[in-house]
N, C-alpha and C. Protein backbone atom coordinates (compact mmCIF):
# COMPACT_ATOMS: atom_id res chain seq x y z
N MET A 1 0.85 -1.17 0.00
CA MET A 1 0.00 0.00 0.00
C MET A 1 0.89 1.24 0.00
N GLN A 2 0.61 2.14 -0.90
CA GLN A 2 1.35 3.40 -1.01
C GLN A 2 0.64 4.47 -0.18
N MET A 3 1.38 5.10 0.73
CA MET A 3 0.82 6.17 1.55
C MET A 3 0.95 7.49 0.79
N PRO A 4 -0.16 8.19 0.60
CA PRO A 4 -0.06 9.49 -0.07
C PRO A 4 0.62 10.50 0.85
N LYS A 5 1.42 11.34 0.27
CA LYS A 5 2.12 12.36 1.04
C LYS A 5 1.43 13.70 0.83
N PRO A 6 1.13 14.40 1.91
CA PRO A 6 0.54 15.73 1.76
C PRO A 6 1.60 16.74 1.35
N SER A 7 1.18 17.74 0.62
CA SER A 7 2.08 18.84 0.27
C SER A 7 2.24 19.74 1.48
N GLU A 8 3.19 20.64 1.44
CA GLU A 8 3.35 21.61 2.53
C GLU A 8 2.09 22.48 2.65
N ALA A 9 1.46 22.79 1.51
CA ALA A 9 0.21 23.57 1.53
C ALA A 9 -0.90 22.78 2.22
N ASP A 10 -0.97 21.46 1.98
CA ASP A 10 -1.96 20.61 2.65
C ASP A 10 -1.73 20.62 4.16
N LYS A 11 -0.47 20.50 4.58
CA LYS A 11 -0.14 20.50 6.00
C LYS A 11 -0.52 21.83 6.65
N GLU A 12 -0.24 22.91 5.97
CA GLU A 12 -0.58 24.24 6.51
C GLU A 12 -2.10 24.41 6.59
N ARG A 13 -2.81 23.95 5.56
CA ARG A 13 -4.28 24.02 5.57
C ARG A 13 -4.84 23.23 6.75
N PHE A 14 -4.27 22.06 7.00
CA PHE A 14 -4.70 21.23 8.13
C PHE A 14 -4.45 21.95 9.45
N ARG A 15 -3.21 22.40 9.64
CA ARG A 15 -2.86 23.08 10.90
C ARG A 15 -3.74 24.30 11.15
N SER A 16 -4.05 25.04 10.08
CA SER A 16 -4.86 26.26 10.25
C SER A 16 -6.33 25.94 10.53
N SER A 17 -6.76 24.71 10.27
CA SER A 17 -8.16 24.34 10.51
C SER A 17 -8.37 23.79 11.92
N VAL A 18 -7.28 23.47 12.61
CA VAL A 18 -7.36 22.88 13.95
C VAL A 18 -7.60 23.98 14.97
N PRO A 19 -8.52 23.76 15.93
CA PRO A 19 -8.78 24.79 16.95
C PRO A 19 -7.52 25.19 17.71
N ASP A 20 -7.42 26.47 18.02
CA ASP A 20 -6.30 26.98 18.79
C ASP A 20 -6.61 26.75 20.27
N SER A 21 -6.17 25.62 20.79
CA SER A 21 -6.45 25.23 22.16
C SER A 21 -5.20 24.58 22.75
N PRO A 22 -4.91 24.86 24.02
CA PRO A 22 -3.75 24.19 24.64
C PRO A 22 -3.94 22.68 24.76
N ASP A 23 -5.17 22.21 24.60
CA ASP A 23 -5.46 20.77 24.70
C ASP A 23 -5.17 20.03 23.40
N VAL A 24 -4.92 20.75 22.31
CA VAL A 24 -4.71 20.14 21.00
C VAL A 24 -3.22 19.87 20.77
N VAL A 25 -2.94 18.66 20.30
CA VAL A 25 -1.59 18.27 19.92
C VAL A 25 -1.65 17.80 18.47
N VAL A 26 -0.85 18.42 17.61
CA VAL A 26 -0.73 17.99 16.21
C VAL A 26 0.61 17.30 16.07
N LYS A 27 0.59 16.07 15.55
CA LYS A 27 1.84 15.34 15.40
C LYS A 27 1.84 14.51 14.12
N PRO A 28 3.05 14.19 13.63
CA PRO A 28 3.16 13.40 12.41
C PRO A 28 2.67 11.97 12.63
N MET A 29 2.05 11.44 11.56
CA MET A 29 1.58 10.05 11.57
C MET A 29 1.81 9.47 10.18
N PHE A 30 2.78 8.60 10.05
CA PHE A 30 3.03 7.89 8.79
C PHE A 30 3.19 8.85 7.62
N GLY A 31 3.89 9.96 7.83
CA GLY A 31 4.11 10.94 6.77
C GLY A 31 2.97 11.92 6.60
N ASN A 32 1.91 11.77 7.37
CA ASN A 32 0.77 12.67 7.34
C ASN A 32 0.68 13.34 8.71
N LEU A 33 -0.44 13.91 9.09
CA LEU A 33 -0.60 14.56 10.38
C LEU A 33 -1.87 14.10 11.08
N GLY A 34 -1.86 14.15 12.40
CA GLY A 34 -3.04 13.87 13.20
C GLY A 34 -3.18 14.95 14.26
N ALA A 35 -4.42 15.29 14.60
CA ALA A 35 -4.71 16.25 15.67
C ALA A 35 -5.41 15.50 16.79
N PHE A 36 -4.90 15.67 18.01
CA PHE A 36 -5.34 14.89 19.16
C PHE A 36 -5.79 15.79 20.30
N VAL A 37 -6.76 15.29 21.06
CA VAL A 37 -7.17 15.91 22.32
C VAL A 37 -7.27 14.77 23.33
N ASN A 38 -6.63 14.95 24.48
CA ASN A 38 -6.60 13.91 25.52
C ASN A 38 -6.10 12.56 24.99
N GLY A 39 -5.20 12.61 24.02
CA GLY A 39 -4.63 11.39 23.46
C GLY A 39 -5.48 10.72 22.39
N ASN A 40 -6.65 11.27 22.09
CA ASN A 40 -7.55 10.70 21.08
C ASN A 40 -7.53 11.57 19.83
N MET A 41 -7.41 10.94 18.67
CA MET A 41 -7.38 11.69 17.41
C MET A 41 -8.79 12.16 17.04
N PHE A 42 -8.90 13.45 16.74
CA PHE A 42 -10.19 13.98 16.29
C PHE A 42 -10.16 14.39 14.83
N ALA A 43 -8.98 14.60 14.27
CA ALA A 43 -8.86 14.95 12.85
C ALA A 43 -7.52 14.46 12.35
N GLY A 44 -7.48 14.13 11.08
CA GLY A 44 -6.24 13.66 10.47
C GLY A 44 -6.12 14.15 9.05
N LEU A 45 -4.90 14.12 8.57
CA LEU A 45 -4.60 14.48 7.19
C LEU A 45 -4.04 13.24 6.51
N PHE A 46 -4.63 12.85 5.40
CA PHE A 46 -4.17 11.70 4.62
C PHE A 46 -4.04 12.17 3.19
N GLY A 47 -2.80 12.46 2.75
CA GLY A 47 -2.61 13.12 1.46
C GLY A 47 -3.24 14.49 1.56
N PRO A 48 -4.10 14.87 0.63
CA PRO A 48 -4.76 16.17 0.73
C PRO A 48 -6.08 16.15 1.50
N THR A 49 -6.52 14.95 1.93
CA THR A 49 -7.84 14.80 2.56
C THR A 49 -7.77 14.98 4.07
N ILE A 50 -8.66 15.82 4.59
CA ILE A 50 -8.82 15.96 6.03
C ILE A 50 -9.99 15.08 6.45
N GLY A 51 -9.74 14.23 7.44
CA GLY A 51 -10.79 13.37 7.99
C GLY A 51 -11.09 13.78 9.41
N VAL A 52 -12.34 13.64 9.81
CA VAL A 52 -12.78 14.04 11.14
C VAL A 52 -13.61 12.94 11.79
N LYS A 53 -13.56 12.91 13.13
CA LYS A 53 -14.35 11.95 13.90
C LYS A 53 -15.49 12.73 14.55
N LEU A 54 -16.65 12.63 13.97
CA LEU A 54 -17.81 13.41 14.39
C LEU A 54 -18.76 12.57 15.24
N SER A 55 -19.67 13.26 15.93
CA SER A 55 -20.76 12.55 16.59
C SER A 55 -21.60 11.92 15.48
N GLU A 56 -22.41 10.94 15.84
CA GLU A 56 -23.25 10.28 14.85
C GLU A 56 -24.19 11.27 14.15
N VAL A 57 -24.77 12.18 14.93
CA VAL A 57 -25.70 13.18 14.38
C VAL A 57 -24.98 14.10 13.40
N ASP A 58 -23.80 14.61 13.79
CA ASP A 58 -23.04 15.50 12.90
C ASP A 58 -22.59 14.77 11.63
N GLN A 59 -22.15 13.52 11.79
CA GLN A 59 -21.71 12.77 10.62
C GLN A 59 -22.87 12.55 9.64
N GLN A 60 -24.04 12.22 10.16
CA GLN A 60 -25.21 12.04 9.29
C GLN A 60 -25.56 13.33 8.58
N GLU A 61 -25.50 14.46 9.29
CA GLU A 61 -25.79 15.75 8.68
C GLU A 61 -24.79 16.07 7.57
N LEU A 62 -23.51 15.87 7.85
CA LEU A 62 -22.48 16.16 6.86
C LEU A 62 -22.65 15.28 5.62
N GLU A 63 -22.85 13.99 5.82
CA GLU A 63 -22.97 13.07 4.69
C GLU A 63 -24.25 13.28 3.90
N ALA A 64 -25.31 13.75 4.55
CA ALA A 64 -26.58 13.98 3.86
C ALA A 64 -26.55 15.24 3.00
N ASN A 65 -25.72 16.21 3.37
CA ASN A 65 -25.74 17.50 2.71
C ASN A 65 -24.51 17.84 1.87
N HIS A 66 -23.49 16.99 1.93
CA HIS A 66 -22.24 17.28 1.22
C HIS A 66 -21.65 16.00 0.66
N GLN A 67 -20.81 16.15 -0.34
CA GLN A 67 -20.17 14.99 -0.96
C GLN A 67 -18.89 14.66 -0.19
N THR A 68 -19.02 13.80 0.82
CA THR A 68 -17.88 13.39 1.63
C THR A 68 -17.12 12.29 0.91
N GLN A 69 -16.03 11.86 1.52
CA GLN A 69 -15.22 10.80 0.93
C GLN A 69 -14.68 9.91 2.05
N PRO A 70 -14.29 8.69 1.70
CA PRO A 70 -13.69 7.82 2.71
C PRO A 70 -12.38 8.46 3.20
N PHE A 71 -11.98 8.14 4.43
CA PHE A 71 -10.75 8.68 4.97
C PHE A 71 -9.79 7.54 5.28
N GLY A 72 -8.61 7.61 4.73
CA GLY A 72 -7.58 6.61 4.96
C GLY A 72 -7.28 5.84 3.69
N PRO A 73 -6.52 4.76 3.83
CA PRO A 73 -6.16 3.97 2.66
C PRO A 73 -7.40 3.46 1.92
N GLU A 74 -7.35 3.49 0.61
CA GLU A 74 -8.49 3.09 -0.21
C GLU A 74 -8.97 1.68 0.13
N GLU A 75 -8.00 0.77 0.35
CA GLU A 75 -8.38 -0.62 0.62
C GLU A 75 -8.81 -0.85 2.06
N ARG A 76 -8.60 0.16 2.94
CA ARG A 76 -9.01 -0.01 4.33
C ARG A 76 -9.23 1.36 4.99
N PRO A 77 -10.31 2.06 4.59
CA PRO A 77 -10.57 3.37 5.19
C PRO A 77 -10.90 3.26 6.68
N MET A 78 -10.63 4.34 7.40
CA MET A 78 -10.91 4.39 8.84
C MET A 78 -12.41 4.58 9.05
N GLY A 79 -13.07 3.58 9.59
CA GLY A 79 -14.52 3.57 9.70
C GLY A 79 -15.14 4.67 10.54
N ALA A 80 -14.50 5.10 11.59
CA ALA A 80 -15.09 6.10 12.47
C ALA A 80 -14.87 7.53 11.97
N TYR A 81 -14.17 7.68 10.87
CA TYR A 81 -13.83 9.01 10.35
C TYR A 81 -14.47 9.22 8.98
N VAL A 82 -14.74 10.48 8.68
CA VAL A 82 -15.29 10.83 7.37
C VAL A 82 -14.37 11.89 6.76
N GLY A 83 -14.08 11.72 5.48
CA GLY A 83 -13.25 12.69 4.77
C GLY A 83 -14.10 13.88 4.34
N LEU A 84 -13.60 15.08 4.65
CA LEU A 84 -14.34 16.28 4.26
C LEU A 84 -14.36 16.42 2.74
N PRO A 85 -15.37 17.08 2.21
CA PRO A 85 -15.49 17.20 0.75
C PRO A 85 -14.24 17.82 0.11
N GLU A 86 -13.86 17.25 -1.00
CA GLU A 86 -12.70 17.74 -1.76
C GLU A 86 -12.90 19.20 -2.15
N ALA A 87 -14.14 19.59 -2.43
CA ALA A 87 -14.43 20.96 -2.84
C ALA A 87 -14.10 21.97 -1.75
N TRP A 88 -13.97 21.53 -0.50
CA TRP A 88 -13.67 22.43 0.61
C TRP A 88 -12.19 22.74 0.76
N GLN A 89 -11.35 22.17 -0.09
CA GLN A 89 -9.91 22.41 0.05
C GLN A 89 -9.57 23.89 -0.04
N ASP A 90 -10.44 24.68 -0.66
CA ASP A 90 -10.22 26.12 -0.74
C ASP A 90 -11.18 26.90 0.15
N ASP A 91 -11.88 26.21 1.05
CA ASP A 91 -12.85 26.86 1.93
C ASP A 91 -12.45 26.62 3.39
N ALA A 92 -11.58 27.49 3.89
CA ALA A 92 -11.05 27.32 5.24
C ALA A 92 -12.15 27.41 6.30
N GLY A 93 -13.17 28.21 6.06
CA GLY A 93 -14.23 28.39 7.05
C GLY A 93 -15.02 27.12 7.29
N GLN A 94 -15.49 26.48 6.23
CA GLN A 94 -16.27 25.25 6.41
C GLN A 94 -15.40 24.14 6.99
N THR A 95 -14.17 24.04 6.51
CA THR A 95 -13.28 23.01 7.03
C THR A 95 -13.07 23.20 8.52
N ALA A 96 -12.75 24.41 8.95
CA ALA A 96 -12.50 24.68 10.38
C ALA A 96 -13.75 24.42 11.21
N GLU A 97 -14.92 24.73 10.66
CA GLU A 97 -16.18 24.50 11.39
C GLU A 97 -16.35 23.02 11.72
N TRP A 98 -16.11 22.15 10.74
CA TRP A 98 -16.32 20.72 10.96
C TRP A 98 -15.18 20.09 11.77
N VAL A 99 -13.97 20.61 11.64
CA VAL A 99 -12.87 20.14 12.49
C VAL A 99 -13.17 20.51 13.94
N ALA A 100 -13.72 21.70 14.17
CA ALA A 100 -14.10 22.13 15.53
C ALA A 100 -15.18 21.21 16.10
N LYS A 101 -16.14 20.80 15.27
CA LYS A 101 -17.18 19.87 15.74
C LYS A 101 -16.55 18.54 16.15
N ALA A 102 -15.56 18.09 15.38
CA ALA A 102 -14.87 16.84 15.71
C ALA A 102 -14.10 16.99 17.03
N PHE A 103 -13.45 18.14 17.20
CA PHE A 103 -12.73 18.41 18.45
C PHE A 103 -13.69 18.34 19.63
N GLU A 104 -14.82 19.01 19.53
CA GLU A 104 -15.81 19.02 20.62
C GLU A 104 -16.31 17.60 20.92
N ASN A 105 -16.54 16.82 19.88
CA ASN A 105 -17.01 15.45 20.04
C ASN A 105 -15.97 14.60 20.78
N VAL A 106 -14.74 14.64 20.32
CA VAL A 106 -13.71 13.76 20.88
C VAL A 106 -13.23 14.27 22.25
N ALA A 107 -13.30 15.57 22.49
CA ALA A 107 -12.90 16.11 23.80
C ALA A 107 -13.78 15.58 24.93
N GLU A 108 -14.98 15.13 24.60
CA GLU A 108 -15.88 14.56 25.60
C GLU A 108 -15.54 13.11 25.96
N MET A 109 -14.69 12.49 25.16
CA MET A 109 -14.30 11.10 25.42
C MET A 109 -13.31 11.06 26.59
N PRO A 110 -13.24 9.94 27.29
CA PRO A 110 -12.23 9.83 28.36
C PRO A 110 -10.83 9.87 27.76
N PRO A 111 -9.87 10.40 28.53
CA PRO A 111 -8.49 10.43 28.03
C PRO A 111 -8.01 9.02 27.71
N LYS A 112 -7.21 8.94 26.67
CA LYS A 112 -6.65 7.65 26.27
C LYS A 112 -5.53 7.28 27.24
N ALA A 113 -5.56 6.06 27.73
CA ALA A 113 -4.53 5.59 28.65
C ALA A 113 -3.22 5.38 27.90
N PRO A 114 -2.10 5.77 28.52
CA PRO A 114 -0.82 5.55 27.85
C PRO A 114 -0.55 4.06 27.69
N LYS A 115 0.15 3.71 26.61
CA LYS A 115 0.47 2.30 26.36
C LYS A 115 1.55 1.83 27.32
N GLU A 116 1.44 0.57 27.68
CA GLU A 116 2.47 -0.04 28.53
C GLU A 116 3.76 -0.17 27.74
N PRO A 117 4.90 0.15 28.32
CA PRO A 117 6.17 -0.04 27.59
C PRO A 117 6.41 -1.51 27.32
N LYS A 118 7.00 -1.79 26.16
CA LYS A 118 7.30 -3.18 25.80
C LYS A 118 8.49 -3.67 26.63
N LYS A 119 8.40 -4.93 27.00
CA LYS A 119 9.47 -5.51 27.83
C LYS A 119 10.42 -6.32 26.99
């Protein structure tokens, strides 16, 4: 499986869409980026596609009203995430709005427990 690489413009677009909060951590993931709150990923960048983890209600609204796309590898997309519409790549406002909804959704989850070190 070939991992798509985001351009520097894609990375900047992703970073600018993430809420400005001390609780947010953006870090590299397999050549792409992920945005985390309390150790849980709420948004990710896969090539040029931004994916978000929304509440069920928000995801249904987004999918009913916009042309979303799968998020992640074509042969195995991430089921809990939805890729934002490709047409929004030039619409920072809509992208940031839905990334903020994902942040709010995931921030309500319990913090992710750190992994046990391997022995």
